[in-house]
Amino acid sequence: MEKKIVALDVSNLWTPYMNNTMALCVNKYALQTIQDPEIKAIFGKALNLSENIVQKIAAIFNQEQFPIPHAFTEEDVHLDAPRLFSDELWLFYLHQMSTHGLTSYSLGITASRRLDIRQFYFETYMGSYELYETTLGMLQSRGLLERPPTIVLPEKIEFAEKQSFLTGWFGERRPLNTIEISSLYFNLQKTILTKDLALGFSQTAKSKEIRRFMEEVVKLAAEHIEIFTTILHEDFISSAITWDTHVTDSQIAPFSDKLMIFHCAFLIQAAMAYYGTALSGSMRRDLGLKYSSAIARDVKLAEDCANIMISNGWFEEPPSSVDRRELS
């Protein structure tokens, strides 16, 4: 018999339940607008995966008599809304979102205490991995992904001999190393997706407050893209392609304002985590400063996002411990 659910398991189930109910809405709308049969087929698999995740988590919550989050429902998607993104952008979107799934579900495996929940996460991880591989292969075969940055392979190992290896603010800077290049390129692609989603949301949101917020997201993402691109180009390293032209001129919302701002909050929070990882692996001081600044600005944006959700009654609180001070 499985042990009673613990705080770690609740956290690792509550968050993917919220995210996958959102994914159900997004994928259903995408399937209504996508015309390419191959891309449509992979979105069908993504929809099935999200449905399976939501059903299994709901079953565990019911078994434990744990309240099922309200999350997102059919009220948050408008399937008759016209096309907002191109088929190619949808493919890029699903590829990038599958990387978030791989990160989250691998963490769920290592952080959960119950065997059945770890097994659930392993199955979910494998489903996300299939999506990742399929979307990556499809993007590559259609020429929709630029060639990743490359370097001249070293002939021997080397050890840093001077503290100047860490410099970056003043004086001559050393070339980027492979760890730094990989982080810049990875974060560049994530930020490009955030910008283009927010661009589409900014022209379709019903609330002026939400539109203004999305415009701020677009502006900040564009600044981060410029920073990452410039750093790569200074070392004559190629950067990622953009997808701005793949957003249509539709002004009819496919999603509720609640879903759109939640989606942006998800991407902003993920960006902070990825920037933190990049910061810890960057050995040039100027890169550390850039990432620290990006995190600080995203923290402010995330706070604004949370305030908007709270003021509109959209912020569903994660489970928390009992307030002992209030009880006493």
Protein backbone atom coordinates (compact mmCIF):
# COMPACT_ATOMS: atom_id res chain seq x y z
CA MET A 1 0.00 0.00 0.00
CA GLU A 2 1.34 3.44 -0.94
CA LYS A 3 2.18 5.92 1.79
CA LYS A 4 -0.05 8.93 2.34
CA ILE A 5 0.71 11.84 0.06
CA VAL A 6 3.28 14.31 1.46
CA ALA A 7 4.06 17.98 0.80
CA LEU A 8 6.65 17.21 -1.88
CA ASP A 9 4.18 15.04 -3.78
CA VAL A 10 1.43 17.68 -3.52
CA SER A 11 3.72 20.34 -4.95
CA ASN A 12 4.92 18.06 -7.72
CA LEU A 13 1.33 17.21 -8.69
CA TRP A 14 -0.45 20.55 -8.15
CA THR A 15 1.82 22.49 -10.53
CA PRO A 16 1.61 20.07 -13.50
CA TYR A 17 -2.15 19.83 -13.00
CA MET A 18 -2.41 23.60 -13.40
CA ASN A 19 -0.01 23.64 -16.36
CA ASN A 20 -1.62 20.75 -18.19
CA THR A 21 -5.16 22.06 -17.89
CA MET A 22 -3.75 25.18 -19.55
CA ALA A 23 -2.07 22.98 -22.17
CA LEU A 24 -5.40 21.28 -22.89
CA CYS A 25 -6.91 24.65 -23.82
CA VAL A 26 -3.90 25.70 -25.90
CA ASN A 27 -3.61 22.40 -27.75
CA LYS A 28 -7.34 22.23 -28.53
CA TYR A 29 -7.22 25.69 -30.09
CA ALA A 30 -4.03 24.86 -31.99
CA LEU A 31 -5.68 21.78 -33.46
CA GLN A 32 -8.56 23.95 -34.69
CA THR A 33 -6.25 26.31 -36.61
CA ILE A 34 -3.31 24.15 -37.75
CA GLN A 35 -3.57 23.11 -41.40
CA ASP A 36 -0.39 21.08 -41.83
CA PRO A 37 -1.33 17.38 -41.28
CA GLU A 38 2.04 16.38 -39.77
CA ILE A 39 2.07 19.25 -37.28
CA LYS A 40 -1.59 18.59 -36.48
CA ALA A 41 -0.79 14.94 -35.74
CA ILE A 42 1.92 15.80 -33.22
CA PHE A 43 -0.42 18.26 -31.49
CA GLY A 44 -2.95 15.45 -31.26
CA LYS A 45 -0.36 13.41 -29.35
CA ALA A 46 0.39 16.40 -27.12
CA LEU A 47 -3.32 16.76 -26.35
CA ASN A 48 -3.58 13.07 -25.44
CA LEU A 49 -0.55 13.37 -23.15
CA SER A 50 -2.01 16.37 -21.30
CA GLU A 51 -5.41 14.63 -20.96
CA ASN A 52 -3.71 11.57 -19.49
CA ILE A 53 -1.69 13.68 -17.03
CA VAL A 54 -4.74 15.61 -15.84
CA GLN A 55 -6.81 12.45 -15.40
CA LYS A 56 -4.11 10.60 -13.43
CA ILE A 57 -3.39 13.53 -11.11
CA ALA A 58 -7.12 14.04 -10.50
CA ALA A 59 -7.44 10.34 -9.62
CA ILE A 60 -4.63 10.63 -7.05
CA PHE A 61 -6.16 13.77 -5.56
CA ASN A 62 -9.56 12.07 -5.30
CA GLN A 63 -8.00 9.05 -3.68
CA GLU A 64 -6.34 11.28 -1.09
CA GLN A 65 -9.46 13.45 -0.66
CA PHE A 66 -7.38 16.43 -1.75
CA PRO A 67 -9.31 19.32 -3.36
CA ILE A 68 -8.82 19.37 -7.13
CA PRO A 69 -7.70 22.82 -8.37
CA HIS A 70 -10.14 24.78 -10.50
CA ALA A 71 -7.29 25.54 -12.92
CA PHE A 72 -8.45 25.99 -16.54
CA THR A 73 -11.60 24.79 -18.26
CA GLU A 74 -13.43 25.08 -21.56
CA GLU A 75 -14.39 28.62 -20.52
CA ASP A 76 -10.75 29.67 -21.01
CA VAL A 77 -10.52 28.75 -24.70
CA HIS A 78 -12.49 30.02 -27.69
CA LEU A 79 -12.17 27.37 -30.38
CA ASP A 80 -13.91 29.47 -33.01
CA ALA A 81 -11.33 32.28 -32.76
CA PRO A 82 -9.40 32.88 -36.00
CA ARG A 83 -5.82 31.86 -36.56
CA LEU A 84 -3.34 33.77 -34.35
CA PHE A 85 -0.08 31.87 -34.99
CA SER A 86 1.30 30.10 -38.05
CA ASP A 87 1.65 26.31 -38.15
CA GLU A 88 5.44 26.70 -38.02
CA LEU A 89 5.29 28.86 -34.89
CA TRP A 90 3.00 26.31 -33.26
CA LEU A 91 5.60 23.63 -34.00
CA PHE A 92 8.36 25.77 -32.47
CA TYR A 93 6.07 26.44 -29.48
CA LEU A 94 5.45 22.74 -28.83
CA HIS A 95 9.16 21.98 -29.12
CA GLN A 96 10.06 24.63 -26.56
CA MET A 97 7.25 23.65 -24.20
CA SER A 98 8.37 20.00 -24.33
CA THR A 99 11.73 21.09 -22.87
CA HIS A 100 9.87 22.64 -19.93
CA GLY A 101 8.04 19.35 -19.47
CA LEU A 102 11.27 17.35 -19.48
CA THR A 103 12.75 19.63 -16.82
CA SER A 104 9.67 19.53 -14.62
CA TYR A 105 8.97 15.81 -14.86
CA SER A 106 12.58 14.78 -14.24
CA LEU A 107 12.45 16.88 -11.07
CA GLY A 108 9.21 15.16 -10.13
CA ILE A 109 10.90 11.74 -10.37
CA THR A 110 13.72 12.71 -8.00
CA ALA A 111 11.62 14.75 -5.54
CA SER A 112 8.61 12.43 -5.06
CA ARG A 113 8.53 9.92 -2.23
CA ARG A 114 5.76 7.60 -3.42
CA LEU A 115 6.59 4.88 -5.92
CA ASP A 116 3.36 5.24 -7.89
CA ILE A 117 3.94 8.98 -8.32
CA ARG A 118 7.56 8.44 -9.42
CA GLN A 119 6.34 5.88 -11.96
CA PHE A 120 3.72 8.35 -13.16
CA TYR A 121 6.40 10.96 -13.68
CA PHE A 122 8.65 8.55 -15.50
CA GLU A 123 5.85 7.70 -17.96
CA THR A 124 5.07 11.39 -18.37
CA TYR A 125 8.75 12.18 -18.91
CA MET A 126 8.94 9.60 -21.69
CA GLY A 127 5.85 11.09 -23.33
CA SER A 128 7.45 14.54 -23.25
CA TYR A 129 10.68 13.12 -24.60
CA GLU A 130 8.81 11.68 -27.59
CA LEU A 131 7.28 15.12 -28.24
CA TYR A 132 10.70 16.74 -27.96
CA GLU A 133 12.34 14.34 -30.42
CA THR A 134 9.47 14.49 -32.92
CA THR A 135 9.22 18.29 -32.92
CA LEU A 136 13.01 18.68 -33.12
CA GLY A 137 13.22 16.33 -36.10
CA MET A 138 10.33 18.08 -37.83
CA LEU A 139 11.85 21.55 -37.31
CA GLN A 140 15.21 20.37 -38.62
CA SER A 141 13.79 18.55 -41.65
CA ARG A 142 11.84 21.67 -42.67
CA GLY A 143 14.78 24.03 -42.24
CA LEU A 144 13.06 25.89 -39.42
CA LEU A 145 15.99 25.65 -37.02
CA GLU A 146 19.26 27.43 -37.66
CA ARG A 147 22.47 25.50 -37.21
CA PRO A 148 23.51 25.66 -33.53
CA PRO A 149 26.69 27.62 -32.72
CA THR A 150 29.91 25.70 -33.35
CA ILE A 151 33.54 26.20 -32.30
CA VAL A 152 36.91 25.00 -33.52
CA LEU A 153 37.66 21.89 -31.48
CA PRO A 154 40.72 22.23 -29.20
CA GLU A 155 43.75 20.06 -29.82
CA LYS A 156 44.64 19.69 -26.13
CA ILE A 157 43.32 20.46 -22.65
CA GLU A 158 44.23 23.79 -21.10
CA PHE A 159 44.21 25.26 -17.60
CA ALA A 160 43.49 28.90 -16.78
CA GLU A 161 46.73 30.64 -15.81
CA LYS A 162 45.49 34.17 -15.04
CA GLN A 163 42.63 35.76 -13.13
CA SER A 164 41.82 37.59 -16.36
CA PHE A 165 39.89 34.44 -17.32
CA LEU A 166 37.10 35.85 -15.14
CA THR A 167 37.18 39.43 -16.41
CA GLY A 168 34.53 40.97 -18.57
CA TRP A 169 33.67 44.39 -17.26
CA PHE A 170 36.76 46.25 -18.41
CA GLY A 171 39.69 45.50 -20.67
CA GLU A 172 40.02 42.70 -23.16
CA ARG A 173 37.53 39.90 -22.70
CA ARG A 174 38.34 36.30 -23.45
CA PRO A 175 36.18 34.48 -26.02
CA LEU A 176 33.05 32.72 -24.81
CA ASN A 177 33.49 29.11 -23.74
CA THR A 178 31.16 26.31 -24.79
CA ILE A 179 29.15 26.38 -21.54
CA GLU A 180 28.49 30.10 -21.93
CA ILE A 181 27.62 29.78 -25.62
CA SER A 182 25.16 26.97 -24.91
CA SER A 183 23.42 28.94 -22.16
CA LEU A 184 23.14 32.08 -24.28
CA TYR A 185 21.73 30.17 -27.25
CA PHE A 186 19.29 28.17 -25.09
CA ASN A 187 17.97 31.27 -23.31
CA LEU A 188 17.77 33.17 -26.59
CA GLN A 189 15.36 30.60 -28.03
CA LYS A 190 13.22 30.62 -24.88
CA THR A 191 13.04 34.41 -24.88
CA ILE A 192 12.08 34.52 -28.56
CA LEU A 193 9.09 32.27 -27.83
CA THR A 194 8.04 34.42 -24.87
CA LYS A 195 8.20 37.56 -27.00
CA ASP A 196 6.09 36.15 -29.83
CA LEU A 197 3.45 34.65 -27.55
CA ALA A 198 3.16 37.94 -25.65
CA LEU A 199 2.96 39.76 -28.99
CA GLY A 200 -0.05 37.69 -29.99
CA PHE A 201 -1.62 38.08 -26.55
CA SER A 202 -1.07 41.86 -26.53
CA GLN A 203 -3.29 42.29 -29.58
CA THR A 204 -6.05 39.91 -28.48
CA ALA A 205 -6.47 40.44 -24.72
CA LYS A 206 -9.79 42.03 -23.80
CA SER A 207 -8.53 44.00 -20.80
CA LYS A 208 -6.44 47.11 -21.43
CA GLU A 209 -4.46 46.26 -18.29
CA ILE A 210 -3.54 42.86 -19.70
CA ARG A 211 -2.64 44.36 -23.07
CA ARG A 212 -0.32 46.87 -21.41
CA PHE A 213 1.28 44.09 -19.39
CA MET A 214 1.85 41.99 -22.50
CA GLU A 215 3.44 45.00 -24.21
CA GLU A 216 5.86 45.22 -21.27
CA VAL A 217 6.68 41.53 -21.67
CA VAL A 218 7.35 42.05 -25.39
CA LYS A 219 9.56 45.07 -24.66
CA LEU A 220 11.62 43.32 -21.98
CA ALA A 221 11.97 40.13 -24.03
CA ALA A 222 13.17 42.18 -27.01
CA GLU A 223 15.82 43.82 -24.82
CA HIS A 224 17.01 40.44 -23.54
CA ILE A 225 17.13 39.08 -27.10
CA GLU A 226 19.26 42.06 -28.14
CA ILE A 227 21.64 41.50 -25.22
CA PHE A 228 22.10 37.77 -25.85
CA THR A 229 22.43 38.24 -29.61
CA THR A 230 25.00 41.02 -29.25
CA ILE A 231 27.18 38.94 -26.92
CA LEU A 232 27.14 36.03 -29.39
CA HIS A 233 27.80 38.27 -32.39
CA GLU A 234 30.79 39.91 -30.66
CA ASP A 235 32.47 36.50 -30.89
CA PHE A 236 31.16 35.97 -34.45
CA ILE A 237 28.76 33.28 -33.27
CA SER A 238 25.40 32.83 -34.98
CA SER A 239 22.19 33.48 -33.07
CA ALA A 240 18.65 32.08 -33.27
CA ILE A 241 16.05 33.06 -35.87
CA THR A 242 13.01 35.10 -34.83
CA TRP A 243 9.33 34.32 -35.42
CA ASP A 244 7.70 37.77 -35.30
CA THR A 245 6.24 37.44 -38.79
CA HIS A 246 4.48 34.22 -37.80
CA VAL A 247 2.00 36.12 -35.59
CA THR A 248 -1.13 37.09 -37.57
CA ASP A 249 -3.01 40.39 -37.30
CA SER A 250 -6.02 38.82 -35.56
CA GLN A 251 -7.46 40.82 -32.66
CA ILE A 252 -9.92 38.15 -31.54
CA ALA A 253 -8.83 36.33 -28.39
CA PRO A 254 -8.46 32.54 -28.59
CA PHE A 255 -7.94 32.37 -24.82
CA SER A 256 -9.24 34.07 -21.70
CA ASP A 257 -7.21 36.90 -20.21
CA LYS A 258 -6.69 34.66 -17.19
CA LEU A 259 -5.06 31.94 -19.29
CA MET A 260 -2.90 34.36 -21.24
CA ILE A 261 -1.45 36.05 -18.17
CA PHE A 262 -0.96 32.68 -16.43
CA HIS A 263 0.94 31.45 -19.48
CA CYS A 264 3.20 34.50 -19.42
CA ALA A 265 3.76 34.04 -15.68
CA PHE A 266 4.83 30.45 -16.36
CA LEU A 267 7.34 31.55 -19.01
CA ILE A 268 8.71 34.39 -16.86
CA GLN A 269 9.23 32.07 -13.89
CA ALA A 270 10.91 29.50 -16.13
CA ALA A 271 13.17 32.23 -17.55
CA MET A 272 14.33 33.18 -14.06
CA ALA A 273 15.22 29.55 -13.36
CA TYR A 274 17.12 29.17 -16.62
CA TYR A 275 18.90 32.51 -16.16
CA GLY A 276 19.93 31.36 -12.68
CA THR A 277 21.37 28.16 -14.12
CA ALA A 278 23.23 30.15 -16.78
CA LEU A 279 24.51 32.56 -14.13
CA SER A 280 25.98 29.75 -12.08
CA GLY A 281 27.81 28.37 -15.13
CA SER A 282 29.09 31.66 -16.57
CA MET A 283 32.70 32.46 -15.69
CA ARG A 284 32.92 35.90 -17.29
CA ARG A 285 31.86 38.63 -14.88
CA ASP A 286 30.02 40.62 -17.52
CA LEU A 287 27.77 37.63 -18.27
CA GLY A 288 26.99 37.23 -14.59
CA LEU A 289 25.98 40.87 -14.45
CA LYS A 290 23.73 40.50 -17.52
CA TYR A 291 21.96 37.45 -16.10
CA SER A 292 21.58 39.03 -12.65
CA SER A 293 20.02 42.10 -14.22
CA ALA A 294 17.70 39.95 -16.36
CA ILE A 295 16.55 38.00 -13.28
CA ALA A 296 15.92 41.20 -11.31
CA ARG A 297 13.79 42.67 -14.10
CA ASP A 298 11.86 39.41 -14.50
CA VAL A 299 11.21 39.34 -10.74
CA LYS A 300 9.54 42.75 -11.03
CA LEU A 301 7.54 41.57 -14.04
CA ALA A 302 6.47 38.40 -12.21
CA GLU A 303 5.31 40.49 -9.25
CA ASP A 304 3.25 42.74 -11.53
CA CYS A 305 1.77 39.61 -13.10
CA ALA A 306 0.83 38.16 -9.71
CA ASN A 307 -0.76 41.45 -8.62
CA ILE A 308 -2.91 41.53 -11.74
CA MET A 309 -4.03 37.95 -11.20
CA ILE A 310 -4.86 38.61 -7.53
CA SER A 311 -6.79 41.79 -8.27
CA ASN A 312 -8.88 39.92 -10.87
CA GLY A 313 -9.53 36.91 -8.62
CA TRP A 314 -7.50 34.59 -10.87
CA PHE A 315 -4.67 33.66 -8.51
CA GLU A 316 -5.32 30.14 -7.28
CA GLU A 317 -3.15 29.62 -4.21
CA PRO A 318 -0.92 26.55 -4.07
CA PRO A 319 -1.47 24.32 -1.00
CA SER A 320 0.30 25.73 2.06
CA SER A 321 1.00 24.78 5.65
CA VAL A 322 -1.33 25.71 8.49
CA ASP A 323 -0.82 29.24 9.85
CA ARG A 324 0.03 28.31 13.46
CA ARG A 325 0.40 31.96 14.48
CA GLU A 326 -3.17 32.69 13.42
CA LEU A 327 -4.45 29.61 15.25
CA SER A 328 -2.73 30.66 18.46
